[in-house]
Amino acid sequence: MTPEQFKRLPKYAQEYINSLARKVSNGANMVNKLTDDQTPTRIWTDSFEDCGEGQKTVKRYFNATHVTIEQNGVQLRIDNLWDPNADIRLSWGPAGSLSCLGDICFIPTSYQQAKLVNLAYNDIEYNRLLKQKGTLDERQEA
């Protein structure tokens, strides 16, 4: 909308648009202030967010001794986050498990990367592995 078009709008529409613009600006400023004023810790999340002034990466710091993540039937727990004398410890198992015990596949995907797959929850991965196994069986027969 050009400034000339904006001036032709009724007064109530101009005021409403201006109030919305102020709310967006105030909200973006508050998000920026809350994230910029955080005390950095060794644990954080990164997210790509639109903060009114365009998109930017926002770090959110938090304090915890361990972190648990659940997705696609897999639970991953990261321990020993605050003990400077202890190594980081990873535990994984089925989602909803209290003990992280269960059959989860650890599949390397590239250098220092892997994915965790719970075959009971992931039909696509299960079918892919079955096809791959069938291909391997055919090669062995030949």
C-alpha atoms as a PDB file:
ATOM      1  CA  MET A   1       0.000   0.000   0.000  1.00  0.00           C
ATOM      2  CA  THR A   2       1.417   3.351  -1.001  1.00  0.00           C
ATOM      3  CA  PRO A   3       1.283   6.392   1.330  1.00  0.00           C
ATOM      4  CA  GLU A   4      -1.262   7.990  -1.018  1.00  0.00           C
ATOM      5  CA  GLN A   5      -3.538   4.938  -0.812  1.00  0.00           C
ATOM      6  CA  PHE A   6      -3.181   4.874   2.968  1.00  0.00           C
ATOM      7  CA  LYS A   7      -4.204   8.573   3.211  1.00  0.00           C
ATOM      8  CA  ARG A   8      -7.364   7.837   1.198  1.00  0.00           C
ATOM      9  CA  LEU A   9      -8.527   5.229   3.724  1.00  0.00           C
ATOM     10  CA  PRO A  10     -11.146   6.272   6.300  1.00  0.00           C
ATOM     11  CA  LYS A  11      -9.696   7.661   9.535  1.00  0.00           C
ATOM     12  CA  TYR A  12     -10.824   4.602  11.599  1.00  0.00           C
ATOM     13  CA  ALA A  13      -9.023   2.233   9.171  1.00  0.00           C
ATOM     14  CA  GLN A  14      -5.823   4.299   9.355  1.00  0.00           C
ATOM     15  CA  GLU A  15      -5.948   4.273  13.167  1.00  0.00           C
ATOM     16  CA  TYR A  16      -6.628   0.519  13.253  1.00  0.00           C
ATOM     17  CA  ILE A  17      -3.710  -0.245  10.896  1.00  0.00           C
ATOM     18  CA  ASN A  18      -1.422   2.023  12.936  1.00  0.00           C
ATOM     19  CA  SER A  19      -2.466   0.309  16.193  1.00  0.00           C
ATOM     20  CA  LEU A  20      -1.789  -3.126  14.666  1.00  0.00           C
ATOM     21  CA  ALA A  21       1.625  -1.963  13.472  1.00  0.00           C
ATOM     22  CA  ARG A  22       2.420  -0.686  17.001  1.00  0.00           C
ATOM     23  CA  LYS A  23       1.346  -4.027  18.540  1.00  0.00           C
ATOM     24  CA  VAL A  24       3.562  -5.970  16.140  1.00  0.00           C
ATOM     25  CA  SER A  25       6.492  -3.666  16.824  1.00  0.00           C
ATOM     26  CA  ASN A  26       5.979  -3.816  20.613  1.00  0.00           C
ATOM     27  CA  GLY A  27       5.687  -7.615  20.499  1.00  0.00           C
ATOM     28  CA  ALA A  28       8.867  -7.935  18.441  1.00  0.00           C
ATOM     29  CA  ASN A  29      10.713  -5.605  20.810  1.00  0.00           C
ATOM     30  CA  MET A  30       9.541  -7.616  23.831  1.00  0.00           C
ATOM     31  CA  VAL A  31      10.638 -10.934  22.278  1.00  0.00           C
ATOM     32  CA  ASN A  32      14.015  -9.432  21.397  1.00  0.00           C
ATOM     33  CA  LYS A  33      14.433  -8.012  24.913  1.00  0.00           C
ATOM     34  CA  LEU A  34      13.442 -11.273  26.630  1.00  0.00           C
ATOM     35  CA  THR A  35      15.802 -13.349  24.505  1.00  0.00           C
ATOM     36  CA  ASP A  36      18.665 -10.827  24.553  1.00  0.00           C
ATOM     37  CA  ASP A  37      18.475 -10.368  28.341  1.00  0.00           C
ATOM     38  CA  GLN A  38      18.792 -14.087  29.125  1.00  0.00           C
ATOM     39  CA  THR A  39      21.816 -15.282  31.037  1.00  0.00           C
ATOM     40  CA  PRO A  40      23.746 -17.617  28.738  1.00  0.00           C
ATOM     41  CA  THR A  41      24.104 -21.196  29.989  1.00  0.00           C
ATOM     42  CA  ARG A  42      25.543 -24.350  28.467  1.00  0.00           C
ATOM     43  CA  ILE A  43      22.043 -25.518  27.435  1.00  0.00           C
ATOM     44  CA  TRP A  44      19.985 -23.736  24.800  1.00  0.00           C
ATOM     45  CA  THR A  45      17.662 -24.140  21.852  1.00  0.00           C
ATOM     46  CA  ASP A  46      17.916 -22.359  18.526  1.00  0.00           C
ATOM     47  CA  SER A  47      14.867 -21.373  16.539  1.00  0.00           C
ATOM     48  CA  PHE A  48      14.385 -19.323  13.400  1.00  0.00           C
ATOM     49  CA  GLU A  49      11.635 -16.793  14.106  1.00  0.00           C
ATOM     50  CA  ASP A  50      10.005 -13.757  12.560  1.00  0.00           C
ATOM     51  CA  CYS A  51      10.386 -11.009  15.154  1.00  0.00           C
ATOM     52  CA  GLY A  52       8.745  -8.146  13.279  1.00  0.00           C
ATOM     53  CA  GLU A  53      12.039  -6.889  11.855  1.00  0.00           C
ATOM     54  CA  GLY A  54      12.517  -9.913   9.623  1.00  0.00           C
ATOM     55  CA  GLN A  55      13.537 -13.432  10.484  1.00  0.00           C
ATOM     56  CA  LYS A  56      16.424 -14.135  12.805  1.00  0.00           C
ATOM     57  CA  THR A  57      17.859 -16.971  14.878  1.00  0.00           C
ATOM     58  CA  VAL A  58      16.792 -16.798  18.520  1.00  0.00           C
ATOM     59  CA  LYS A  59      18.653 -18.632  21.292  1.00  0.00           C
ATOM     60  CA  ARG A  60      16.723 -19.547  24.415  1.00  0.00           C
ATOM     61  CA  TYR A  61      18.844 -20.598  27.395  1.00  0.00           C
ATOM     62  CA  PHE A  62      17.652 -22.765  30.266  1.00  0.00           C
ATOM     63  CA  ASN A  63      18.981 -24.507  33.344  1.00  0.00           C
ATOM     64  CA  ALA A  64      18.647 -28.283  33.633  1.00  0.00           C
ATOM     65  CA  THR A  65      20.612 -31.300  34.792  1.00  0.00           C
ATOM     66  CA  HIS A  66      19.165 -33.409  31.976  1.00  0.00           C
ATOM     67  CA  VAL A  67      17.026 -32.966  28.873  1.00  0.00           C
ATOM     68  CA  THR A  68      14.496 -35.472  27.488  1.00  0.00           C
ATOM     69  CA  ILE A  69      13.205 -35.325  23.917  1.00  0.00           C
ATOM     70  CA  GLU A  70      10.423 -37.510  22.473  1.00  0.00           C
ATOM     71  CA  GLN A  71       9.612 -37.842  18.789  1.00  0.00           C
ATOM     72  CA  ASN A  72       8.313 -40.561  16.449  1.00  0.00           C
ATOM     73  CA  GLY A  73       8.155 -43.177  19.197  1.00  0.00           C
ATOM     74  CA  VAL A  74      11.710 -42.520  20.410  1.00  0.00           C
ATOM     75  CA  GLN A  75      12.780 -40.983  23.728  1.00  0.00           C
ATOM     76  CA  LEU A  76      16.282 -39.508  23.941  1.00  0.00           C
ATOM     77  CA  ARG A  77      17.673 -38.397  27.298  1.00  0.00           C
ATOM     78  CA  ILE A  78      20.849 -36.323  27.717  1.00  0.00           C
ATOM     79  CA  ASP A  79      22.362 -36.442  31.236  1.00  0.00           C
ATOM     80  CA  ASN A  80      25.257 -34.895  33.198  1.00  0.00           C
ATOM     81  CA  LEU A  81      24.755 -31.416  31.772  1.00  0.00           C
ATOM     82  CA  TRP A  82      25.895 -29.463  34.826  1.00  0.00           C
ATOM     83  CA  ASP A  83      28.679 -31.602  36.253  1.00  0.00           C
ATOM     84  CA  PRO A  84      31.927 -30.237  34.733  1.00  0.00           C
ATOM     85  CA  ASN A  85      33.757 -33.449  35.737  1.00  0.00           C
ATOM     86  CA  ALA A  86      31.282 -35.829  34.061  1.00  0.00           C
ATOM     87  CA  ASP A  87      30.928 -36.768  30.419  1.00  0.00           C
ATOM     88  CA  ILE A  88      27.669 -36.170  28.555  1.00  0.00           C
ATOM     89  CA  ARG A  89      25.610 -39.357  28.699  1.00  0.00           C
ATOM     90  CA  LEU A  90      22.961 -40.316  26.104  1.00  0.00           C
ATOM     91  CA  SER A  91      20.166 -42.820  26.780  1.00  0.00           C
ATOM     92  CA  TRP A  92      17.377 -43.791  24.405  1.00  0.00           C
ATOM     93  CA  GLY A  93      14.357 -46.045  24.314  1.00  0.00           C
ATOM     94  CA  PRO A  94      10.683 -46.136  23.326  1.00  0.00           C
ATOM     95  CA  ALA A  95       8.704 -42.935  23.882  1.00  0.00           C
ATOM     96  CA  GLY A  96       6.803 -42.970  27.158  1.00  0.00           C
ATOM     97  CA  SER A  97       9.323 -45.364  28.705  1.00  0.00           C
ATOM     98  CA  LEU A  98      10.433 -44.617  32.247  1.00  0.00           C
ATOM     99  CA  SER A  99      13.701 -46.514  31.904  1.00  0.00           C
ATOM    100  CA  CYS A 100      14.786 -45.889  28.277  1.00  0.00           C
ATOM    101  CA  LEU A 101      14.872 -49.673  27.820  1.00  0.00           C
ATOM    102  CA  GLY A 102      13.638 -51.096  24.535  1.00  0.00           C
ATOM    103  CA  ASP A 103      14.675 -51.779  20.983  1.00  0.00           C
ATOM    104  CA  ILE A 104      15.671 -48.609  19.184  1.00  0.00           C
ATOM    105  CA  CYS A 105      17.808 -48.663  16.034  1.00  0.00           C
ATOM    106  CA  PHE A 106      20.854 -46.378  15.981  1.00  0.00           C
ATOM    107  CA  ILE A 107      21.451 -45.664  12.282  1.00  0.00           C
ATOM    108  CA  PRO A 108      24.528 -43.628  11.264  1.00  0.00           C
ATOM    109  CA  THR A 109      23.603 -41.098   8.564  1.00  0.00           C
ATOM    110  CA  SER A 110      26.845 -39.158   8.051  1.00  0.00           C
ATOM    111  CA  TYR A 111      29.994 -38.121   9.882  1.00  0.00           C
ATOM    112  CA  GLN A 112      29.128 -37.726  13.585  1.00  0.00           C
ATOM    113  CA  GLN A 113      25.395 -37.939  12.884  1.00  0.00           C
ATOM    114  CA  ALA A 114      22.852 -40.695  13.345  1.00  0.00           C
ATOM    115  CA  LYS A 115      19.130 -41.163  13.644  1.00  0.00           C
ATOM    116  CA  LEU A 116      17.248 -43.128  16.274  1.00  0.00           C
ATOM    117  CA  VAL A 117      14.341 -45.187  14.953  1.00  0.00           C
ATOM    118  CA  ASN A 118      11.712 -47.140  16.849  1.00  0.00           C
ATOM    119  CA  LEU A 119      10.561 -49.692  14.281  1.00  0.00           C
ATOM    120  CA  ALA A 120       7.364 -50.342  16.202  1.00  0.00           C
ATOM    121  CA  TYR A 121       6.312 -46.721  15.572  1.00  0.00           C
ATOM    122  CA  ASN A 122       7.819 -46.015  12.162  1.00  0.00           C
ATOM    123  CA  ASP A 123       6.207 -48.064   9.361  1.00  0.00           C
ATOM    124  CA  ILE A 124       8.083 -46.210   6.604  1.00  0.00           C
ATOM    125  CA  GLU A 125      11.476 -47.046   8.079  1.00  0.00           C
ATOM    126  CA  TYR A 126      10.399 -50.613   8.817  1.00  0.00           C
ATOM    127  CA  ASN A 127       9.251 -51.173   5.207  1.00  0.00           C
ATOM    128  CA  ARG A 128      12.460 -49.610   3.874  1.00  0.00           C
ATOM    129  CA  LEU A 129      14.566 -51.956   5.971  1.00  0.00           C
ATOM    130  CA  LEU A 130      12.484 -54.963   4.887  1.00  0.00           C
ATOM    131  CA  LYS A 131      12.964 -54.032   1.216  1.00  0.00           C
ATOM    132  CA  GLN A 132      16.678 -53.553   1.816  1.00  0.00           C
ATOM    133  CA  LYS A 133      16.860 -56.945   3.519  1.00  0.00           C
ATOM    134  CA  GLY A 134      14.967 -58.540   0.617  1.00  0.00           C
ATOM    135  CA  THR A 135      17.471 -57.000  -1.807  1.00  0.00           C
ATOM    136  CA  LEU A 136      20.333 -58.365   0.274  1.00  0.00           C
ATOM    137  CA  ASP A 137      18.715 -61.832   0.324  1.00  0.00           C
ATOM    138  CA  GLU A 138      18.349 -61.784  -3.506  1.00  0.00           C
ATOM    139  CA  ARG A 139      22.040 -60.900  -3.888  1.00  0.00           C
ATOM    140  CA  GLN A 140      23.019 -63.755  -1.595  1.00  0.00           C
ATOM    141  CA  GLU A 141      20.971 -66.248  -3.667  1.00  0.00           C
ATOM    142  CA  ALA A 142      22.678 -65.191  -6.926  1.00  0.00           C
END
